[in-house]
């Protein structure tokens, strides 16, 4: 299970460390990196990426404008990247620019995938969405039996 919040620095060669706790749950030595819905990157193990991409393609038609938009935004920019011996991935320049990654990054494990954020952007996102979070917690909390 990919979980946890971590802080790592993007190096001068656009490489980013994947935390060992998360890495241990990824099979193989490569992952798929793509644009996220928010101004972040999504990183998927291959098996999860296959499920997501096949579901998106299989449940939509290329004749639907919104489907093409989703495919262009999520599937088209996806790139496979190797996890090197040191546990780092190379972040392609186009994806780095999309997520506005500078130096300090936040890595979030969200069970089946990972989000990669620029640290400043993530902190601003949290602050801007605090009231929405409380509303969502209230709404979703009513549906979850603890």
N, C-alpha and C. Protein backbone atom coordinates (compact mmCIF):
# COMPACT_ATOMS: atom_id res chain seq x y z
N UNK A 1 0.85 -1.17 0.00
CA UNK A 1 0.00 0.00 0.00
C UNK A 1 0.90 1.24 0.00
N UNK A 2 0.70 2.11 -0.94
CA UNK A 2 1.51 3.32 -1.10
C UNK A 2 0.92 4.42 -0.23
N UNK A 3 1.50 4.65 0.94
CA UNK A 3 0.99 5.71 1.81
C UNK A 3 2.14 6.49 2.44
N UNK A 4 1.82 7.69 2.88
CA UNK A 4 2.78 8.53 3.58
C UNK A 4 2.98 9.86 2.88
N UNK A 5 3.52 10.81 3.64
CA UNK A 5 3.87 12.13 3.11
C UNK A 5 5.36 12.32 3.33
N UNK A 6 6.06 12.67 2.26
CA UNK A 6 7.52 12.77 2.31
C UNK A 6 7.97 14.05 1.63
N UNK A 7 9.12 14.56 2.05
CA UNK A 7 9.74 15.74 1.43
C UNK A 7 11.09 15.33 0.86
N UNK A 8 11.25 15.59 -0.43
CA UNK A 8 12.52 15.31 -1.09
C UNK A 8 12.82 16.44 -2.06
N UNK A 9 14.09 16.59 -2.39
CA UNK A 9 14.51 17.64 -3.32
C UNK A 9 14.72 17.07 -4.72
N UNK A 10 14.29 17.83 -5.69
CA UNK A 10 14.55 17.54 -7.10
C UNK A 10 15.99 17.98 -7.36
N UNK A 11 16.81 17.09 -7.92
CA UNK A 11 18.20 17.48 -8.13
C UNK A 11 18.38 18.24 -9.45
N UNK A 12 19.59 18.64 -9.74
CA UNK A 12 19.88 19.44 -10.93
C UNK A 12 19.62 18.70 -12.24
N UNK A 13 19.52 17.38 -12.18
CA UNK A 13 19.26 16.58 -13.38
C UNK A 13 17.80 16.13 -13.45
N UNK A 14 16.93 16.80 -12.68
CA UNK A 14 15.50 16.49 -12.63
C UNK A 14 15.21 15.09 -12.10
N UNK A 15 16.03 14.61 -11.18
CA UNK A 15 15.79 13.32 -10.56
C UNK A 15 15.19 13.53 -9.17
N UNK A 16 14.28 12.65 -8.83
CA UNK A 16 13.59 12.75 -7.54
C UNK A 16 13.60 11.39 -6.87
N UNK A 17 13.96 11.38 -5.60
CA UNK A 17 13.99 10.14 -4.83
C UNK A 17 12.56 9.68 -4.54
N UNK A 18 12.33 8.39 -4.73
CA UNK A 18 11.07 7.79 -4.32
C UNK A 18 11.35 7.15 -2.96
N UNK A 19 10.60 7.52 -1.92
CA UNK A 19 10.88 7.00 -0.58
C UNK A 19 10.93 5.47 -0.55
N UNK A 20 11.85 4.93 0.21
CA UNK A 20 12.04 3.48 0.25
C UNK A 20 10.79 2.76 0.73
N UNK A 21 10.04 3.35 1.64
CA UNK A 21 8.80 2.71 2.12
C UNK A 21 7.78 2.54 1.00
N UNK A 22 7.75 3.49 0.10
CA UNK A 22 6.85 3.39 -1.05
C UNK A 22 7.45 2.48 -2.11
N UNK A 23 8.73 2.64 -2.35
CA UNK A 23 9.42 1.85 -3.37
C UNK A 23 9.28 0.35 -3.12
N UNK A 24 9.28 -0.04 -1.86
CA UNK A 24 9.20 -1.46 -1.53
C UNK A 24 7.87 -2.07 -1.96
N UNK A 25 6.85 -1.25 -2.16
CA UNK A 25 5.54 -1.74 -2.60
C UNK A 25 5.35 -1.67 -4.11
N UNK A 26 6.35 -1.23 -4.83
CA UNK A 26 6.27 -1.13 -6.29
C UNK A 26 7.02 -2.31 -6.88
N UNK A 27 6.34 -3.10 -7.71
CA UNK A 27 7.00 -4.22 -8.36
C UNK A 27 7.68 -3.72 -9.63
N UNK A 28 8.84 -4.26 -9.90
CA UNK A 28 9.59 -3.85 -11.08
C UNK A 28 10.42 -2.60 -10.80
N UNK A 29 11.11 -2.14 -11.84
CA UNK A 29 11.99 -0.98 -11.66
C UNK A 29 11.58 0.20 -12.54
N UNK A 30 10.32 0.23 -12.95
CA UNK A 30 9.84 1.39 -13.68
C UNK A 30 8.40 1.69 -13.26
N UNK A 31 8.02 2.95 -13.48
CA UNK A 31 6.69 3.44 -13.13
C UNK A 31 6.21 4.34 -14.27
N UNK A 32 4.95 4.74 -14.19
CA UNK A 32 4.38 5.65 -15.18
C UNK A 32 4.06 6.96 -14.49
N UNK A 33 4.52 8.03 -15.08
CA UNK A 33 4.35 9.37 -14.54
C UNK A 33 3.51 10.18 -15.52
N UNK A 34 2.49 10.89 -15.01
CA UNK A 34 1.64 11.70 -15.87
C UNK A 34 1.12 12.92 -15.11
N UNK A 35 0.40 13.77 -15.83
CA UNK A 35 -0.21 14.94 -15.22
C UNK A 35 -1.36 14.51 -14.31
N UNK A 36 -1.46 15.17 -13.17
CA UNK A 36 -2.59 14.94 -12.28
C UNK A 36 -3.71 15.92 -12.59
N UNK A 37 -4.83 15.75 -11.91
CA UNK A 37 -5.95 16.66 -12.12
C UNK A 37 -5.63 18.03 -11.52
N UNK A 38 -5.04 18.05 -10.34
CA UNK A 38 -4.58 19.30 -9.75
C UNK A 38 -3.18 19.58 -10.31
N UNK A 39 -2.56 20.63 -9.92
CA UNK A 39 -1.24 21.02 -10.45
C UNK A 39 -0.16 20.15 -9.80
N UNK A 40 -0.29 18.83 -10.01
CA UNK A 40 0.67 17.89 -9.47
C UNK A 40 0.89 16.79 -10.51
N UNK A 41 1.80 15.88 -10.21
CA UNK A 41 2.02 14.73 -11.07
C UNK A 41 1.48 13.49 -10.37
N UNK A 42 1.02 12.55 -11.18
CA UNK A 42 0.59 11.26 -10.67
C UNK A 42 1.60 10.23 -11.10
N UNK A 43 2.01 9.37 -10.19
CA UNK A 43 2.93 8.30 -10.48
C UNK A 43 2.22 6.98 -10.16
N UNK A 44 2.21 6.08 -11.13
CA UNK A 44 1.53 4.80 -10.98
C UNK A 44 2.48 3.64 -11.17
N UNK A 45 2.35 2.60 -10.34
CA UNK A 45 2.98 1.33 -10.70
C UNK A 45 2.33 0.85 -12.00
N UNK A 46 3.03 0.03 -12.77
CA UNK A 46 2.51 -0.38 -14.08
C UNK A 46 1.13 -1.04 -14.01
N UNK A 47 0.91 -1.92 -13.04
CA UNK A 47 -0.38 -2.61 -12.98
C UNK A 47 -1.52 -1.63 -12.72
N UNK A 48 -1.30 -0.63 -11.88
CA UNK A 48 -2.35 0.37 -11.62
C UNK A 48 -2.57 1.27 -12.84
N UNK A 49 -1.49 1.64 -13.51
CA UNK A 49 -1.62 2.47 -14.70
C UNK A 49 -2.42 1.74 -15.77
N UNK A 50 -2.17 0.47 -15.92
CA UNK A 50 -2.89 -0.32 -16.92
C UNK A 50 -4.39 -0.30 -16.61
N UNK A 51 -4.76 -0.47 -15.34
CA UNK A 51 -6.18 -0.42 -14.95
C UNK A 51 -6.80 0.94 -15.26
N UNK A 52 -6.11 2.00 -14.86
CA UNK A 52 -6.63 3.37 -15.05
C UNK A 52 -6.77 3.70 -16.52
N UNK A 53 -5.72 3.47 -17.29
CA UNK A 53 -5.75 3.84 -18.70
C UNK A 53 -6.76 3.00 -19.48
N UNK A 54 -6.84 1.71 -19.20
CA UNK A 54 -7.81 0.88 -19.89
C UNK A 54 -9.24 1.26 -19.51
N UNK A 55 -9.45 1.61 -18.26
CA UNK A 55 -10.77 2.04 -17.81
C UNK A 55 -11.18 3.34 -18.50
N UNK A 56 -10.25 4.28 -18.59
CA UNK A 56 -10.54 5.56 -19.23
C UNK A 56 -10.84 5.38 -20.72
N UNK A 57 -10.04 4.59 -21.38
CA UNK A 57 -10.26 4.34 -22.81
C UNK A 57 -11.53 3.51 -23.03
N UNK A 58 -11.70 2.48 -22.21
CA UNK A 58 -12.83 1.56 -22.39
C UNK A 58 -14.18 2.14 -22.06
N UNK A 59 -14.23 3.16 -21.21
CA UNK A 59 -15.52 3.71 -20.80
C UNK A 59 -15.91 4.97 -21.56
N UNK A 60 -15.10 5.34 -22.54
CA UNK A 60 -15.38 6.56 -23.30
C UNK A 60 -15.26 6.29 -24.79
N UNK A 61 -15.69 7.26 -25.56
CA UNK A 61 -15.62 7.16 -27.01
C UNK A 61 -14.78 8.30 -27.55
N UNK A 62 -14.00 8.01 -28.56
CA UNK A 62 -13.20 9.08 -29.17
C UNK A 62 -14.07 10.11 -29.87
N UNK A 63 -15.35 9.84 -29.96
CA UNK A 63 -16.28 10.79 -30.55
C UNK A 63 -16.88 11.74 -29.52
N UNK A 64 -16.51 11.57 -28.25
CA UNK A 64 -16.99 12.45 -27.18
C UNK A 64 -15.90 13.46 -26.84
N UNK A 65 -16.25 14.72 -26.90
CA UNK A 65 -15.28 15.79 -26.66
C UNK A 65 -14.63 15.67 -25.28
N UNK A 66 -15.42 15.43 -24.24
CA UNK A 66 -14.87 15.33 -22.89
C UNK A 66 -13.96 14.13 -22.75
N UNK A 67 -14.28 13.06 -23.44
CA UNK A 67 -13.43 11.86 -23.40
C UNK A 67 -12.08 12.17 -24.02
N UNK A 68 -12.09 12.83 -25.17
CA UNK A 68 -10.82 13.18 -25.83
C UNK A 68 -10.00 14.10 -24.93
N UNK A 69 -10.67 15.03 -24.27
CA UNK A 69 -9.98 15.94 -23.36
C UNK A 69 -9.28 15.16 -22.24
N UNK A 70 -9.98 14.23 -21.63
CA UNK A 70 -9.40 13.41 -20.57
C UNK A 70 -8.24 12.58 -21.08
N UNK A 71 -8.41 11.99 -22.24
CA UNK A 71 -7.35 11.16 -22.82
C UNK A 71 -6.11 12.00 -23.13
N UNK A 72 -6.32 13.18 -23.66
CA UNK A 72 -5.19 14.07 -23.99
C UNK A 72 -4.51 14.59 -22.73
N UNK A 73 -5.26 14.79 -21.70
CA UNK A 73 -4.74 15.39 -20.47
C UNK A 73 -4.06 14.37 -19.55
N UNK A 74 -4.58 13.13 -19.55
CA UNK A 74 -4.07 12.12 -18.61
C UNK A 74 -3.22 11.07 -19.32
N UNK A 75 -3.72 10.51 -20.41
CA UNK A 75 -3.02 9.39 -21.06
C UNK A 75 -1.88 9.86 -21.96
N UNK A 76 -2.13 10.85 -22.79
CA UNK A 76 -1.12 11.28 -23.77
C UNK A 76 0.20 11.73 -23.13
N UNK A 77 0.19 12.52 -22.05
CA UNK A 77 1.47 12.96 -21.50
C UNK A 77 2.19 11.91 -20.64
N UNK A 78 1.57 10.77 -20.41
CA UNK A 78 2.16 9.74 -19.56
C UNK A 78 3.48 9.24 -20.13
N UNK A 79 4.44 9.08 -19.23
CA UNK A 79 5.76 8.60 -19.64
C UNK A 79 6.26 7.57 -18.65
N UNK A 80 6.82 6.51 -19.19
CA UNK A 80 7.45 5.50 -18.34
C UNK A 80 8.80 6.03 -17.91
N UNK A 81 9.12 5.83 -16.66
CA UNK A 81 10.41 6.26 -16.15
C UNK A 81 10.98 5.16 -15.25
N UNK A 82 12.27 4.96 -15.36
CA UNK A 82 12.95 3.93 -14.60
C UNK A 82 13.27 4.42 -13.19
N UNK A 83 13.23 3.50 -12.24
CA UNK A 83 13.71 3.77 -10.90
C UNK A 83 15.17 3.31 -10.89
N UNK A 84 16.09 4.25 -10.69
CA UNK A 84 17.51 3.89 -10.76
C UNK A 84 17.95 3.16 -9.49
N UNK A 85 19.20 2.74 -9.44
CA UNK A 85 19.72 1.97 -8.31
C UNK A 85 19.66 2.73 -7.00
N UNK A 86 19.64 4.05 -7.08
CA UNK A 86 19.56 4.88 -5.87
C UNK A 86 18.13 5.16 -5.46
N UNK A 87 17.15 4.67 -6.24
CA UNK A 87 15.75 4.87 -5.90
C UNK A 87 15.16 6.15 -6.45
N UNK A 88 15.82 6.72 -7.46
CA UNK A 88 15.34 7.99 -8.04
C UNK A 88 14.67 7.74 -9.38
N UNK A 89 13.76 8.65 -9.72
CA UNK A 89 13.16 8.67 -11.05
C UNK A 89 13.55 9.97 -11.73
N UNK A 90 13.58 9.94 -13.04
CA UNK A 90 13.81 11.15 -13.83
C UNK A 90 12.44 11.76 -14.13
N UNK A 91 12.28 13.03 -13.83
CA UNK A 91 11.03 13.73 -14.12
C UNK A 91 11.22 14.46 -15.45
N UNK A 92 10.49 14.04 -16.48
CA UNK A 92 10.64 14.72 -17.78
C UNK A 92 10.32 16.21 -17.67
N UNK A 93 11.01 17.02 -18.45
CA UNK A 93 10.87 18.48 -18.39
C UNK A 93 9.43 18.93 -18.58
N UNK A 94 8.70 18.32 -19.52
CA UNK A 94 7.31 18.75 -19.76
C UNK A 94 6.44 18.54 -18.53
N UNK A 95 6.66 17.43 -17.83
CA UNK A 95 5.87 17.17 -16.63
C UNK A 95 6.33 18.05 -15.46
N UNK A 96 7.62 18.28 -15.38
CA UNK A 96 8.16 19.18 -14.35
C UNK A 96 7.56 20.57 -14.51
N UNK A 97 7.50 21.05 -15.74
CA UNK A 97 6.93 22.38 -16.00
C UNK A 97 5.45 22.42 -15.70
N UNK A 98 4.71 21.36 -16.05
CA UNK A 98 3.27 21.32 -15.77
C UNK A 98 3.01 21.47 -14.28
N UNK A 99 3.74 20.71 -13.46
CA UNK A 99 3.53 20.72 -12.01
C UNK A 99 4.27 21.87 -11.32
N UNK A 100 5.00 22.67 -12.12
CA UNK A 100 5.76 23.80 -11.59
C UNK A 100 6.70 23.37 -10.47
N UNK A 101 7.33 22.20 -10.65
CA UNK A 101 8.28 21.70 -9.66
C UNK A 101 9.53 22.55 -9.69
N UNK A 102 9.92 23.01 -8.53
CA UNK A 102 11.15 23.79 -8.42
C UNK A 102 12.21 22.89 -7.80
N UNK A 103 12.46 23.03 -6.53
CA UNK A 103 13.48 22.23 -5.85
C UNK A 103 12.85 21.28 -4.84
N UNK A 104 12.13 21.86 -3.88
CA UNK A 104 11.55 21.05 -2.80
C UNK A 104 10.20 20.48 -3.23
N UNK A 105 10.04 19.18 -3.05
CA UNK A 105 8.82 18.49 -3.49
C UNK A 105 8.18 17.74 -2.32
N UNK A 106 6.89 17.57 -2.42
CA UNK A 106 6.12 16.75 -1.49
C UNK A 106 5.68 15.52 -2.27
N UNK A 107 5.91 14.36 -1.68
CA UNK A 107 5.49 13.09 -2.28
C UNK A 107 4.43 12.50 -1.38
N UNK A 108 3.25 12.25 -1.94
CA UNK A 108 2.13 11.71 -1.18
C UNK A 108 1.77 10.32 -1.70
N UNK A 109 1.80 9.33 -0.83
CA UNK A 109 1.34 8.00 -1.20
C UNK A 109 -0.14 7.91 -0.92
N UNK A 110 -0.92 7.60 -1.97
CA UNK A 110 -2.37 7.57 -1.82
C UNK A 110 -2.87 6.18 -2.21
N UNK A 111 -2.40 5.19 -1.51
CA UNK A 111 -2.75 3.78 -1.59
C UNK A 111 -2.39 3.12 -2.91
N UNK A 112 -2.94 3.57 -4.04
CA UNK A 112 -2.67 2.90 -5.32
C UNK A 112 -1.83 3.75 -6.27
N UNK A 113 -1.57 4.99 -5.90
CA UNK A 113 -0.76 5.87 -6.73
C UNK A 113 -0.06 6.89 -5.85
N UNK A 114 0.81 7.68 -6.47
CA UNK A 114 1.59 8.69 -5.75
C UNK A 114 1.34 10.04 -6.40
N UNK A 115 1.23 11.09 -5.58
CA UNK A 115 1.19 12.45 -6.10
C UNK A 115 2.52 13.11 -5.80
N UNK A 116 3.01 13.90 -6.76
CA UNK A 116 4.24 14.67 -6.58
C UNK A 116 3.88 16.15 -6.77
N UNK A 117 4.14 16.94 -5.75
CA UNK A 117 3.80 18.36 -5.73
C UNK A 117 5.05 19.20 -5.51
N UNK A 118 5.04 20.40 -6.04
CA UNK A 118 5.99 21.41 -5.60
C UNK A 118 5.57 21.76 -4.18
N UNK A 119 6.52 21.87 -3.26
CA UNK A 119 6.20 22.09 -1.85
C UNK A 119 5.36 23.35 -1.63
N UNK A 120 5.77 24.47 -2.22
CA UNK A 120 5.01 25.72 -2.04
C UNK A 120 3.59 25.59 -2.60
N UNK A 121 3.46 24.96 -3.75
CA UNK A 121 2.14 24.78 -4.37
C UNK A 121 1.25 23.92 -3.49
N UNK A 122 1.82 22.86 -2.92
CA UNK A 122 1.04 21.97 -2.07
C UNK A 122 0.56 22.67 -0.82
N UNK A 123 1.43 23.42 -0.18
CA UNK A 123 1.04 24.14 1.04
C UNK A 123 -0.03 25.18 0.73
N UNK A 124 0.09 25.86 -0.41
CA UNK A 124 -0.93 26.83 -0.82
C UNK A 124 -2.25 26.11 -1.11
N UNK A 125 -2.18 24.97 -1.75
CA UNK A 125 -3.38 24.17 -2.05
C UNK A 125 -4.10 23.79 -0.75
N UNK A 126 -3.33 23.31 0.23
CA UNK A 126 -3.94 22.93 1.51
C UNK A 126 -4.63 24.11 2.17
N UNK A 127 -3.95 25.25 2.18
CA UNK A 127 -4.52 26.44 2.81
C UNK A 127 -5.78 26.90 2.08
N UNK A 128 -5.74 26.92 0.76
CA UNK A 128 -6.90 27.39 -0.02
C UNK A 128 -8.09 26.45 0.10
N UNK A 129 -7.85 25.20 0.41
CA UNK A 129 -8.93 24.21 0.41
C UNK A 129 -9.31 23.71 1.80
N UNK A 130 -8.86 24.39 2.83
CA UNK A 130 -9.16 23.94 4.19
C UNK A 130 -10.67 23.88 4.45
N UNK A 131 -11.41 24.89 4.05
CA UNK A 131 -12.85 24.88 4.30
C UNK A 131 -13.54 23.78 3.48
N UNK A 132 -13.08 23.55 2.26
CA UNK A 132 -13.63 22.45 1.45
C UNK A 132 -13.31 21.10 2.09
N UNK A 133 -12.12 20.98 2.68
CA UNK A 133 -11.74 19.75 3.35
C UNK A 133 -12.70 19.46 4.50
N UNK A 134 -12.98 20.48 5.29
CA UNK A 134 -13.88 20.28 6.43
C UNK A 134 -15.27 19.87 5.96
N UNK A 135 -15.76 20.49 4.89
CA UNK A 135 -17.06 20.11 4.33
C UNK A 135 -17.03 18.67 3.82
N UNK A 136 -15.97 18.31 3.11
CA UNK A 136 -15.85 16.96 2.57
C UNK A 136 -15.74 15.93 3.69
N UNK A 137 -14.98 16.27 4.75
CA UNK A 137 -14.85 15.36 5.88
C UNK A 137 -16.20 15.12 6.54
N UNK A 138 -16.96 16.18 6.67
CA UNK A 138 -18.31 16.06 7.26
C UNK A 138 -19.19 15.18 6.38
N UNK A 139 -19.20 15.45 5.10
CA UNK A 139 -20.06 14.71 4.17
C UNK A 139 -19.64 13.24 4.05
N UNK A 140 -18.37 13.01 3.84
CA UNK A 140 -17.88 11.65 3.68
C UNK A 140 -17.91 10.91 5.02
N UNK A 141 -17.65 11.64 6.10
CA UNK A 141 -17.67 11.04 7.43
C UNK A 141 -19.02 10.43 7.78
N UNK A 142 -20.08 11.01 7.26
CA UNK A 142 -21.43 10.48 7.50
C UNK A 142 -21.64 9.16 6.79
N UNK A 143 -20.83 8.85 5.78
CA UNK A 143 -20.99 7.62 4.99
C UNK A 143 -20.05 6.51 5.45
N UNK A 144 -19.09 6.85 6.30
CA UNK A 144 -18.10 5.89 6.74
C UNK A 144 -18.43 5.44 8.15
N UNK A 145 -18.54 4.14 8.33
CA UNK A 145 -18.79 3.59 9.66
C UNK A 145 -17.46 3.22 10.28
N UNK A 146 -17.15 3.83 11.41
CA UNK A 146 -15.90 3.51 12.11
C UNK A 146 -16.16 2.61 13.28
